[in-house]
Amino acid sequence: MLTASLLLSSCAGIASWVRPPHCPVVPVPTAELSDVDLRAHMRFTIKSEEEHLEAIARSTHGELRIVGIASYGIRLFAIHQSGQEIRVEGALSPKFEQLALWTLDALHRSIWIQAPTNAGDSPVVSWRRENERVTESNVAGERHREFSRARASASVRVRYSGLAAASRIEIQNPWCGYEAVIAIVDSGKRPSDE
């Protein structure tokens, strides 16, 4: 009974979460991801409402799977990506389906998109990716990333704090209407599947 009431109050809190029409969720192709094994606590704020979850991500054989688990233990969604094809499975409601897409977007933008390998030692690197300009700076120990688009009045901003496994990442994505905080719990590599 307690679980049902927690779920209903959580669903009621995000009733107004709708994906804006100009919200690009363009993931890194799974062929470019290797050995993803991640656990992170995530907090999303959308229209003054919050949702907390634990995201567990793992890639195997060119496929990425992310499971979102509520703080009270119920699975909210599973998202499966193969190549650039995205499929949300088992979402408890359309709102949690949106939360799955925002989770995928936040993880890709903050962790899995990598700067070009020919960037050198410059403290500021800029490159184009999927109709977006990505600028990453690492000045005086402060790491930031920004995504901009030609006709967008605002940009997506990512701020990194800490260098250890328990680092904190803050994301402001006005294109999709969310803010997120990611606290990485574990990002270790697992033994290869043999």
N, C-alpha and C. Protein backbone atom coordinates (compact mmCIF):
# COMPACT_ATOMS: atom_id res chain seq x y z
N MET A 1 0.82 -1.20 0.00
CA MET A 1 0.00 0.00 0.00
C MET A 1 0.86 1.26 0.00
N LEU A 2 1.93 1.23 0.83
CA LEU A 2 2.84 2.37 0.88
C LEU A 2 3.50 2.57 -0.48
N THR A 3 3.93 1.49 -1.11
CA THR A 3 4.57 1.58 -2.42
C THR A 3 3.63 2.18 -3.45
N ALA A 4 2.38 1.77 -3.44
CA ALA A 4 1.40 2.29 -4.39
C ALA A 4 1.18 3.79 -4.18
N SER A 5 1.10 4.22 -2.92
CA SER A 5 0.88 5.65 -2.67
C SER A 5 2.11 6.46 -3.04
N LEU A 6 3.32 5.92 -2.83
CA LEU A 6 4.53 6.62 -3.25
C LEU A 6 4.57 6.76 -4.77
N LEU A 7 4.20 5.71 -5.48
CA LEU A 7 4.19 5.73 -6.93
C LEU A 7 3.18 6.75 -7.45
N LEU A 8 1.97 6.76 -6.87
CA LEU A 8 0.95 7.70 -7.31
C LEU A 8 1.36 9.14 -7.05
N SER A 9 1.97 9.40 -5.89
CA SER A 9 2.39 10.78 -5.61
C SER A 9 3.52 11.18 -6.54
N SER A 10 4.39 10.24 -6.88
CA SER A 10 5.47 10.53 -7.81
C SER A 10 4.92 10.82 -9.20
N CYS A 11 3.96 10.02 -9.66
CA CYS A 11 3.35 10.23 -10.97
C CYS A 11 2.60 11.56 -11.02
N ALA A 12 1.91 11.89 -9.95
CA ALA A 12 1.17 13.15 -9.91
C ALA A 12 2.11 14.33 -9.99
N GLY A 13 3.30 14.18 -9.40
CA GLY A 13 4.26 15.28 -9.39
C GLY A 13 4.82 15.59 -10.76
N ILE A 14 4.83 14.63 -11.67
CA ILE A 14 5.40 14.88 -12.98
C ILE A 14 4.35 14.88 -14.08
N ALA A 15 3.11 15.12 -13.69
CA ALA A 15 2.03 15.09 -14.68
C ALA A 15 2.25 16.13 -15.78
N SER A 16 2.96 17.22 -15.48
CA SER A 16 3.14 18.28 -16.47
C SER A 16 4.40 18.09 -17.30
N TRP A 17 5.15 17.01 -17.10
CA TRP A 17 6.38 16.79 -17.86
C TRP A 17 6.04 16.31 -19.27
N VAL A 18 6.29 17.14 -20.23
CA VAL A 18 6.07 16.80 -21.62
C VAL A 18 7.33 17.22 -22.38
N ARG A 19 7.77 16.38 -23.28
CA ARG A 19 8.97 16.69 -24.05
C ARG A 19 8.68 17.81 -25.03
N PRO A 20 9.43 18.92 -24.94
CA PRO A 20 9.23 20.02 -25.88
C PRO A 20 9.50 19.56 -27.32
N PRO A 21 8.88 20.21 -28.31
CA PRO A 21 9.05 19.78 -29.70
C PRO A 21 10.48 19.93 -30.22
N HIS A 22 11.26 20.84 -29.68
CA HIS A 22 12.63 21.06 -30.16
C HIS A 22 13.64 20.55 -29.15
N CYS A 23 13.40 19.36 -28.64
CA CYS A 23 14.27 18.74 -27.65
C CYS A 23 15.07 17.62 -28.32
N PRO A 24 16.27 17.91 -28.81
CA PRO A 24 17.03 16.87 -29.49
C PRO A 24 17.67 15.89 -28.50
N VAL A 25 17.42 14.62 -28.67
CA VAL A 25 18.10 13.58 -27.91
C VAL A 25 18.84 12.76 -28.95
N VAL A 26 20.10 13.12 -29.16
CA VAL A 26 20.91 12.47 -30.19
C VAL A 26 22.04 11.74 -29.48
N PRO A 27 21.93 10.43 -29.35
CA PRO A 27 22.92 9.69 -28.57
C PRO A 27 24.20 9.40 -29.34
N VAL A 28 25.23 9.07 -28.59
CA VAL A 28 26.47 8.57 -29.16
C VAL A 28 26.15 7.18 -29.72
N PRO A 29 26.53 6.88 -30.96
CA PRO A 29 26.29 5.52 -31.47
C PRO A 29 26.94 4.49 -30.56
N THR A 30 26.25 3.39 -30.33
CA THR A 30 26.77 2.39 -29.39
C THR A 30 28.09 1.79 -29.83
N ALA A 31 28.39 1.82 -31.13
CA ALA A 31 29.68 1.30 -31.61
C ALA A 31 30.84 2.12 -31.03
N GLU A 32 30.57 3.39 -30.66
CA GLU A 32 31.61 4.25 -30.09
C GLU A 32 31.73 4.09 -28.58
N LEU A 33 30.80 3.38 -27.96
CA LEU A 33 30.84 3.16 -26.52
C LEU A 33 31.47 1.79 -26.26
N SER A 34 32.35 1.74 -25.30
CA SER A 34 32.93 0.44 -24.97
C SER A 34 32.95 0.27 -23.46
N ASP A 35 32.58 -0.92 -23.02
CA ASP A 35 32.65 -1.27 -21.61
C ASP A 35 31.97 -0.28 -20.68
N VAL A 36 30.75 0.13 -21.02
CA VAL A 36 30.00 1.00 -20.12
C VAL A 36 29.49 0.14 -18.96
N ASP A 37 29.81 0.57 -17.77
CA ASP A 37 29.34 -0.09 -16.55
C ASP A 37 29.22 1.02 -15.51
N LEU A 38 28.03 1.56 -15.35
CA LEU A 38 27.84 2.80 -14.59
C LEU A 38 26.67 2.67 -13.63
N ARG A 39 26.86 3.16 -12.43
CA ARG A 39 25.78 3.37 -11.46
C ARG A 39 25.85 4.82 -11.04
N ALA A 40 24.71 5.50 -11.08
CA ALA A 40 24.70 6.91 -10.71
C ALA A 40 23.37 7.26 -10.07
N HIS A 41 23.43 8.14 -9.08
CA HIS A 41 22.22 8.73 -8.51
C HIS A 41 21.93 9.98 -9.33
N MET A 42 20.67 10.15 -9.74
CA MET A 42 20.30 11.28 -10.57
C MET A 42 19.10 12.00 -9.97
N ARG A 43 19.14 13.32 -10.09
CA ARG A 43 18.01 14.14 -9.67
C ARG A 43 17.64 15.04 -10.83
N PHE A 44 16.40 14.96 -11.27
CA PHE A 44 15.90 15.81 -12.34
C PHE A 44 14.93 16.83 -11.77
N THR A 45 15.02 18.05 -12.27
CA THR A 45 14.06 19.10 -11.93
C THR A 45 13.44 19.55 -13.24
N ILE A 46 12.14 19.44 -13.32
CA ILE A 46 11.39 19.84 -14.50
C ILE A 46 10.18 20.61 -14.01
N LYS A 47 10.06 21.86 -14.43
CA LYS A 47 8.94 22.70 -14.03
C LYS A 47 8.72 22.67 -12.51
N SER A 48 9.76 22.87 -11.76
CA SER A 48 9.75 22.95 -10.29
C SER A 48 9.41 21.63 -9.61
N GLU A 49 9.29 20.55 -10.35
CA GLU A 49 9.05 19.24 -9.76
C GLU A 49 10.34 18.43 -9.84
N GLU A 50 10.55 17.56 -8.86
CA GLU A 50 11.77 16.76 -8.83
C GLU A 50 11.47 15.28 -8.90
N GLU A 51 12.40 14.55 -9.49
CA GLU A 51 12.35 13.09 -9.49
C GLU A 51 13.77 12.60 -9.22
N HIS A 52 13.89 11.68 -8.27
CA HIS A 52 15.18 11.08 -7.92
C HIS A 52 15.17 9.63 -8.40
N LEU A 53 16.29 9.19 -8.94
CA LEU A 53 16.39 7.80 -9.37
C LEU A 53 17.83 7.35 -9.36
N GLU A 54 18.00 6.05 -9.43
CA GLU A 54 19.32 5.48 -9.63
C GLU A 54 19.32 4.93 -11.04
N ALA A 55 20.35 5.29 -11.80
CA ALA A 55 20.50 4.79 -13.17
C ALA A 55 21.61 3.75 -13.18
N ILE A 56 21.31 2.62 -13.76
CA ILE A 56 22.31 1.56 -13.94
C ILE A 56 22.44 1.35 -15.43
N ALA A 57 23.65 1.57 -15.96
CA ALA A 57 23.90 1.47 -17.39
C ALA A 57 24.97 0.42 -17.67
N ARG A 58 24.75 -0.33 -18.73
CA ARG A 58 25.72 -1.36 -19.12
C ARG A 58 25.63 -1.55 -20.62
N SER A 59 26.79 -1.69 -21.25
CA SER A 59 26.81 -1.99 -22.68
C SER A 59 27.40 -3.38 -22.90
N THR A 60 26.79 -4.11 -23.81
CA THR A 60 27.30 -5.42 -24.20
C THR A 60 27.05 -5.60 -25.69
N HIS A 61 28.06 -6.06 -26.39
CA HIS A 61 27.95 -6.40 -27.81
C HIS A 61 27.31 -5.28 -28.63
N GLY A 62 27.74 -4.04 -28.42
CA GLY A 62 27.24 -2.92 -29.20
C GLY A 62 25.85 -2.46 -28.84
N GLU A 63 25.35 -2.87 -27.68
CA GLU A 63 24.03 -2.43 -27.24
C GLU A 63 24.15 -1.83 -25.84
N LEU A 64 23.41 -0.77 -25.60
CA LEU A 64 23.41 -0.09 -24.32
C LEU A 64 22.05 -0.25 -23.67
N ARG A 65 22.04 -0.57 -22.39
CA ARG A 65 20.79 -0.70 -21.63
C ARG A 65 20.93 0.12 -20.36
N ILE A 66 19.92 0.94 -20.09
CA ILE A 66 19.88 1.75 -18.87
C ILE A 66 18.58 1.44 -18.15
N VAL A 67 18.67 1.16 -16.87
CA VAL A 67 17.49 0.91 -16.05
C VAL A 67 17.41 2.04 -15.04
N GLY A 68 16.23 2.63 -14.90
CA GLY A 68 15.98 3.66 -13.90
C GLY A 68 15.18 3.08 -12.75
N ILE A 69 15.71 3.22 -11.55
CA ILE A 69 15.07 2.66 -10.35
C ILE A 69 14.75 3.81 -9.40
N ALA A 70 13.51 3.85 -8.94
CA ALA A 70 13.08 4.89 -7.99
C ALA A 70 13.78 4.67 -6.65
N SER A 71 13.83 5.72 -5.84
CA SER A 71 14.48 5.62 -4.53
C SER A 71 13.79 4.62 -3.62
N TYR A 72 12.53 4.28 -3.91
CA TYR A 72 11.80 3.30 -3.10
C TYR A 72 11.84 1.91 -3.72
N GLY A 73 12.71 1.71 -4.75
CA GLY A 73 13.00 0.38 -5.25
C GLY A 73 12.24 -0.12 -6.46
N ILE A 74 11.30 0.65 -6.99
CA ILE A 74 10.52 0.19 -8.14
C ILE A 74 11.23 0.62 -9.43
N ARG A 75 11.26 -0.29 -10.40
CA ARG A 75 11.85 0.04 -11.70
C ARG A 75 10.90 1.00 -12.44
N LEU A 76 11.42 2.16 -12.81
CA LEU A 76 10.62 3.17 -13.50
C LEU A 76 10.60 2.95 -15.01
N PHE A 77 11.73 2.50 -15.55
CA PHE A 77 11.85 2.31 -16.98
C PHE A 77 13.11 1.52 -17.29
N ALA A 78 13.17 1.03 -18.50
CA ALA A 78 14.41 0.49 -19.08
C ALA A 78 14.51 1.12 -20.46
N ILE A 79 15.69 1.52 -20.83
CA ILE A 79 15.89 2.10 -22.15
C ILE A 79 16.98 1.30 -22.83
N HIS A 80 16.73 0.96 -24.08
CA HIS A 80 17.64 0.11 -24.84
C HIS A 80 18.07 0.89 -26.08
N GLN A 81 19.38 0.95 -26.32
CA GLN A 81 19.89 1.63 -27.50
C GLN A 81 20.79 0.68 -28.27
N SER A 82 20.52 0.56 -29.55
CA SER A 82 21.36 -0.23 -30.45
C SER A 82 21.69 0.68 -31.63
N GLY A 83 22.98 0.94 -31.85
CA GLY A 83 23.36 1.95 -32.85
C GLY A 83 22.89 3.30 -32.37
N GLN A 84 21.99 3.93 -33.14
CA GLN A 84 21.36 5.17 -32.66
C GLN A 84 19.86 4.97 -32.47
N GLU A 85 19.41 3.75 -32.59
CA GLU A 85 17.99 3.44 -32.38
C GLU A 85 17.72 3.32 -30.88
N ILE A 86 16.70 4.04 -30.42
CA ILE A 86 16.36 4.09 -28.99
C ILE A 86 14.98 3.49 -28.79
N ARG A 87 14.87 2.64 -27.78
CA ARG A 87 13.57 2.03 -27.44
C ARG A 87 13.40 2.06 -25.93
N VAL A 88 12.31 2.65 -25.47
CA VAL A 88 11.99 2.67 -24.04
C VAL A 88 11.08 1.49 -23.76
N GLU A 89 11.42 0.73 -22.73
CA GLU A 89 10.66 -0.47 -22.39
C GLU A 89 10.19 -0.39 -20.95
N GLY A 90 9.02 -0.88 -20.67
CA GLY A 90 8.54 -1.04 -19.31
C GLY A 90 8.35 0.24 -18.53
N ALA A 91 8.17 1.39 -19.21
CA ALA A 91 7.93 2.64 -18.50
C ALA A 91 6.57 2.55 -17.80
N LEU A 92 6.52 2.99 -16.54
CA LEU A 92 5.28 2.90 -15.77
C LEU A 92 4.20 3.86 -16.27
N SER A 93 4.62 4.90 -16.99
CA SER A 93 3.66 5.87 -17.52
C SER A 93 4.37 6.65 -18.63
N PRO A 94 3.63 7.43 -19.42
CA PRO A 94 4.28 8.27 -20.44
C PRO A 94 5.27 9.26 -19.82
N LYS A 95 5.01 9.68 -18.58
CA LYS A 95 5.92 10.60 -17.91
C LYS A 95 7.27 9.94 -17.66
N PHE A 96 7.25 8.67 -17.27
CA PHE A 96 8.51 7.97 -17.03
C PHE A 96 9.21 7.64 -18.35
N GLU A 97 8.44 7.55 -19.43
CA GLU A 97 9.06 7.38 -20.74
C GLU A 97 9.87 8.63 -21.08
N GLN A 98 9.32 9.82 -20.77
CA GLN A 98 10.07 11.06 -20.97
C GLN A 98 11.30 11.10 -20.07
N LEU A 99 11.13 10.68 -18.82
CA LEU A 99 12.25 10.66 -17.88
C LEU A 99 13.37 9.75 -18.40
N ALA A 100 13.00 8.64 -19.03
CA ALA A 100 14.01 7.73 -19.62
C ALA A 100 14.80 8.45 -20.70
N LEU A 101 14.13 9.20 -21.56
CA LEU A 101 14.83 9.91 -22.64
C LEU A 101 15.73 11.00 -22.08
N TRP A 102 15.25 11.71 -21.05
CA TRP A 102 16.09 12.74 -20.42
C TRP A 102 17.31 12.11 -19.73
N THR A 103 17.12 10.94 -19.13
CA THR A 103 18.24 10.23 -18.50
C THR A 103 19.28 9.88 -19.54
N LEU A 104 18.84 9.34 -20.66
CA LEU A 104 19.76 9.00 -21.74
C LEU A 104 20.47 10.25 -22.24
N ASP A 105 19.73 11.32 -22.47
CA ASP A 105 20.31 12.57 -22.95
C ASP A 105 21.36 13.10 -21.98
N ALA A 106 21.03 13.13 -20.70
CA ALA A 106 21.95 13.67 -19.69
C ALA A 106 23.24 12.85 -19.62
N LEU A 107 23.13 11.53 -19.65
CA LEU A 107 24.32 10.68 -19.59
C LEU A 107 25.18 10.82 -20.84
N HIS A 108 24.55 10.88 -22.01
CA HIS A 108 25.33 11.04 -23.23
C HIS A 108 26.04 12.39 -23.25
N ARG A 109 25.30 13.48 -22.98
CA ARG A 109 25.91 14.81 -23.06
C ARG A 109 27.03 15.01 -22.05
N SER A 110 26.89 14.43 -20.87
CA SER A 110 27.87 14.71 -19.81
C SER A 110 29.01 13.71 -19.74
N ILE A 111 28.76 12.44 -20.13
CA ILE A 111 29.78 11.41 -19.92
C ILE A 111 30.26 10.78 -21.22
N TRP A 112 29.37 10.38 -22.09
CA TRP A 112 29.75 9.53 -23.21
C TRP A 112 30.16 10.27 -24.47
N ILE A 113 29.83 11.53 -24.61
CA ILE A 113 30.34 12.30 -25.74
C ILE A 113 31.77 12.69 -25.38
N GLN A 114 32.71 12.33 -26.25
CA GLN A 114 34.12 12.58 -25.98
C GLN A 114 34.67 13.62 -26.95
N ALA A 115 35.60 14.41 -26.44
CA ALA A 115 36.29 15.39 -27.28
C ALA A 115 37.12 14.65 -28.32
N PRO A 116 37.35 15.27 -29.47
CA PRO A 116 38.17 14.62 -30.49
C PRO A 116 39.56 14.29 -29.95
N THR A 117 40.11 13.18 -30.40
CA THR A 117 41.42 12.74 -29.90
C THR A 117 42.56 13.63 -30.36
N ASN A 118 42.34 14.42 -31.41
CA ASN A 118 43.39 15.32 -31.89
C ASN A 118 43.32 16.70 -31.25
N ALA A 119 42.65 16.81 -30.11
CA ALA A 119 42.44 18.10 -29.46
C ALA A 119 43.72 18.68 -28.87
N GLY A 120 44.70 17.83 -28.55
CA GLY A 120 45.94 18.33 -27.98
C GLY A 120 45.78 18.73 -26.52
N ASP A 121 46.63 19.65 -26.08
CA ASP A 121 46.63 20.08 -24.68
C ASP A 121 45.92 21.40 -24.45
N SER A 122 45.19 21.88 -25.42
CA SER A 122 44.51 23.16 -25.29
C SER A 122 43.47 23.10 -24.16
N PRO A 123 43.37 24.16 -23.33
CA PRO A 123 42.38 24.15 -22.25
C PRO A 123 40.94 24.33 -22.76
N VAL A 124 40.78 24.78 -24.00
CA VAL A 124 39.45 24.95 -24.60
C VAL A 124 39.44 24.23 -25.94
N VAL A 125 38.47 23.33 -26.10
CA VAL A 125 38.34 22.56 -27.32
C VAL A 125 36.92 22.73 -27.84
N SER A 126 36.77 22.88 -29.14
CA SER A 126 35.45 23.05 -29.73
C SER A 126 35.35 22.17 -30.98
N TRP A 127 34.19 21.53 -31.15
CA TRP A 127 33.97 20.68 -32.31
C TRP A 127 32.48 20.61 -32.61
N ARG A 128 32.15 20.15 -33.83
CA ARG A 128 30.75 20.01 -34.25
C ARG A 128 30.33 18.56 -34.09
N ARG A 129 29.10 18.37 -33.63
CA ARG A 129 28.54 17.03 -33.46
C ARG A 129 27.03 17.11 -33.64
N GLU A 130 26.50 16.41 -34.63
CA GLU A 130 25.05 16.32 -34.84
C GLU A 130 24.37 17.69 -34.83
N ASN A 131 24.81 18.61 -35.67
CA ASN A 131 24.24 19.96 -35.80
C ASN A 131 24.38 20.79 -34.53
N GLU A 132 25.30 20.43 -33.68
CA GLU A 132 25.55 21.19 -32.46
C GLU A 132 27.03 21.54 -32.38
N ARG A 133 27.33 22.68 -31.79
CA ARG A 133 28.71 23.07 -31.50
C ARG A 133 28.96 22.71 -30.05
N VAL A 134 29.97 21.90 -29.79
CA VAL A 134 30.32 21.49 -28.44
C VAL A 134 31.62 22.20 -28.07
N THR A 135 31.62 22.88 -26.94
CA THR A 135 32.82 23.56 -26.45
C THR A 135 33.09 23.04 -25.05
N GLU A 136 34.30 22.55 -24.85
CA GLU A 136 34.68 22.04 -23.54
C GLU A 136 35.89 22.82 -23.06
N SER A 137 35.83 23.26 -21.80
CA SER A 137 36.96 23.99 -21.23
C SER A 137 37.37 23.34 -19.92
N ASN A 138 38.67 23.37 -19.69
CA ASN A 138 39.24 22.85 -18.45
C ASN A 138 40.29 23.86 -18.01
N VAL A 139 39.83 24.88 -17.30
CA VAL A 139 40.69 25.99 -16.91
C VAL A 139 40.73 26.07 -15.39
N ALA A 140 41.92 26.10 -14.85
CA ALA A 140 42.13 26.22 -13.40
C ALA A 140 41.37 25.14 -12.62
N GLY A 141 41.36 23.92 -13.17
CA GLY A 141 40.71 22.81 -12.47
C GLY A 141 39.20 22.80 -12.58
N GLU A 142 38.61 23.73 -13.31
CA GLU A 142 37.16 23.79 -13.52
C GLU A 142 36.84 23.27 -14.91
N ARG A 143 36.05 22.20 -14.99
CA ARG A 143 35.68 21.64 -16.28
C ARG A 143 34.23 21.97 -16.60
N HIS A 144 34.02 22.50 -17.80
CA HIS A 144 32.68 22.87 -18.27
C HIS A 144 32.51 22.40 -19.71
N ARG A 145 31.27 22.18 -20.08
CA ARG A 145 30.94 21.80 -21.45
C ARG A 145 29.69 22.56 -21.84
N GLU A 146 29.63 22.99 -23.10
CA GLU A 146 28.47 23.73 -23.59
C GLU A 146 28.10 23.23 -24.98
N PHE A 147 26.79 23.05 -25.20
CA PHE A 147 26.26 22.66 -26.49
C PHE A 147 25.42 23.82 -27.02
N SER A 148 25.68 24.25 -28.25
CA SER A 148 24.89 25.34 -28.83
C SER A 148 24.41 24.92 -30.21
N ARG A 149 23.30 25.52 -30.61
CA ARG A 149 22.71 25.26 -31.93
C ARG A 149 22.51 26.59 -32.63
N ALA A 150 22.46 26.54 -33.95
CA ALA A 150 22.41 27.77 -34.76
C ALA A 150 21.25 28.69 -34.38
N ARG A 151 20.04 28.17 -34.24
CA ARG A 151 18.89 29.05 -33.99
C ARG A 151 18.37 29.00 -32.56
N ALA A 152 19.12 28.40 -31.67
CA ALA A 152 18.68 28.30 -30.27
C ALA A 152 19.15 29.53 -29.50
N SER A 153 18.26 30.10 -28.71
CA SER A 153 18.62 31.30 -27.94
C SER A 153 19.42 30.95 -26.69
N ALA A 154 19.33 29.71 -26.24
CA ALA A 154 20.07 29.29 -25.04
C ALA A 154 20.93 28.08 -25.41
N SER A 155 21.80 27.70 -24.50
CA SER A 155 22.65 26.54 -24.74
C SER A 155 22.54 25.57 -23.58
N VAL A 156 22.92 24.32 -23.84
CA VAL A 156 22.97 23.30 -22.80
C VAL A 156 24.31 23.45 -22.11
N ARG A 157 24.29 23.50 -20.77
CA ARG A 157 25.53 23.68 -20.00
C ARG A 157 25.74 22.50 -19.06
N VAL A 158 26.99 22.06 -19.00
CA VAL A 158 27.37 20.96 -18.12
C VAL A 158 28.55 21.43 -17.28
N ARG A 159 28.46 21.21 -15.98
CA ARG A 159 29.53 21.60 -15.05
C ARG A 159 29.96 20.36 -14.26
N TYR A 160 31.26 20.14 -14.20
CA TYR A 160 31.82 18.96 -13.53
C TYR A 160 32.48 19.39 -12.23
N SER A 161 32.24 18.64 -11.16
CA SER A 161 32.89 18.88 -9.86
C SER A 161 33.51 17.57 -9.41
N GLY A 162 34.77 17.61 -9.04
CA GLY A 162 35.44 16.42 -8.52
C GLY A 162 35.98 15.55 -9.63
N LEU A 163 37.05 14.86 -9.31
CA LEU A 163 37.71 14.01 -10.29
C LEU A 163 37.60 12.54 -9.93
N ALA A 164 37.13 12.21 -8.74
CA ALA A 164 37.06 10.82 -8.29
C ALA A 164 35.81 10.15 -8.84
N ALA A 165 35.67 8.86 -8.52
CA ALA A 165 34.52 8.09 -9.00
C ALA A 165 33.20 8.68 -8.50
N ALA A 166 33.23 9.35 -7.35
CA ALA A 166 32.00 9.92 -6.80
C ALA A 166 31.83 11.37 -7.26
N SER A 167 32.21 11.68 -8.48
CA SER A 167 32.12 13.05 -8.96
C SER A 167 30.66 13.46 -9.17
N ARG A 168 30.46 14.77 -9.26
CA ARG A 168 29.13 15.35 -9.40
C ARG A 168 29.09 16.14 -10.70
N ILE A 169 28.01 15.96 -11.43
CA ILE A 169 27.84 16.64 -12.71
C ILE A 169 26.50 17.38 -12.66
N GLU A 170 26.51 18.64 -13.04
CA GLU A 170 25.28 19.44 -13.09
C GLU A 170 24.99 19.80 -14.54
N ILE A 171 23.75 19.60 -14.95
CA ILE A 171 23.35 19.85 -16.33
C ILE A 171 22.14 20.77 -16.35
N GLN A 172 22.21 21.79 -17.20
CA GLN A 172 21.05 22.64 -17.46
C GLN A 172 20.73 22.51 -18.94
N ASN A 173 19.58 21.93 -19.25
CA ASN A 173 19.18 21.72 -20.64
C ASN A 173 17.88 22.46 -20.92
N PRO A 174 17.97 23.74 -21.33
CA PRO A 174 16.75 24.49 -21.62
C PRO A 174 16.03 24.00 -22.87
N TRP A 175 16.73 23.30 -23.76
CA TRP A 175 16.08 22.77 -24.96
C TRP A 175 15.03 21.73 -24.60
N CYS A 176 15.32 20.93 -23.59
CA CYS A 176 14.38 19.88 -23.17
C CYS A 176 13.63 20.27 -21.90
N GLY A 177 14.03 21.35 -21.26
CA GLY A 177 13.31 21.84 -20.09
C GLY A 177 13.66 21.14 -18.79
N TYR A 178 14.85 20.57 -18.68
CA TYR A 178 15.22 19.92 -17.43
C TYR A 178 16.56 20.43 -16.90
N GLU A 179 16.73 20.28 -15.61
CA GLU A 179 18.02 20.41 -14.95
C GLU A 179 18.27 19.08 -14.27
N ALA A 180 19.53 18.65 -14.25
CA ALA A 180 19.85 17.36 -13.65
C ALA A 180 21.14 17.46 -12.86
N VAL A 181 21.22 16.64 -11.83
CA VAL A 181 22.45 16.45 -11.07
C VAL A 181 22.73 14.96 -11.09
N ILE A 182 23.95 14.62 -11.48
CA ILE A 182 24.38 13.22 -11.54
C ILE A 182 25.50 13.04 -10.53
N ALA A 183 25.33 12.09 -9.63
CA ALA A 183 26.40 11.71 -8.70
C ALA A 183 26.81 10.29 -9.07
N ILE A 184 28.01 10.15 -9.61
CA ILE A 184 28.47 8.84 -10.05
C ILE A 184 28.88 8.02 -8.84
N VAL A 185 28.25 6.85 -8.72
CA VAL A 185 28.54 5.94 -7.62
C VAL A 185 29.64 4.97 -8.02
N ASP A 186 29.54 4.44 -9.26
CA ASP A 186 30.53 3.48 -9.73
C ASP A 186 30.60 3.56 -11.25
N SER A 187 31.77 3.68 -11.77
CA SER A 187 31.94 3.67 -13.22
C SER A 187 33.09 2.74 -13.60
N GLY A 188 33.23 1.67 -12.84
CA GLY A 188 34.31 0.72 -13.09
C GLY A 188 34.04 -0.13 -14.31
N LYS A 189 35.12 -0.63 -14.87
CA LYS A 189 35.00 -1.53 -16.02
C LYS A 189 34.82 -2.95 -15.49
N ARG A 190 33.99 -3.69 -16.15
CA ARG A 190 33.75 -5.07 -15.72
C ARG A 190 34.62 -6.01 -16.54
N PRO A 191 34.84 -7.21 -16.06
CA PRO A 191 35.61 -8.16 -16.84
C PRO A 191 34.94 -8.44 -18.17
N SER A 192 35.71 -8.72 -19.20
CA SER A 192 35.12 -8.98 -20.51
C SER A 192 34.32 -10.27 -20.48
N ASP A 193 33.27 -10.28 -21.26
CA ASP A 193 32.40 -11.46 -21.33
C ASP A 193 33.08 -12.51 -22.20
N GLU A 194 33.40 -13.66 -21.64
CA GLU A 194 34.04 -14.71 -22.42
C GLU A 194 33.22 -15.96 -22.36
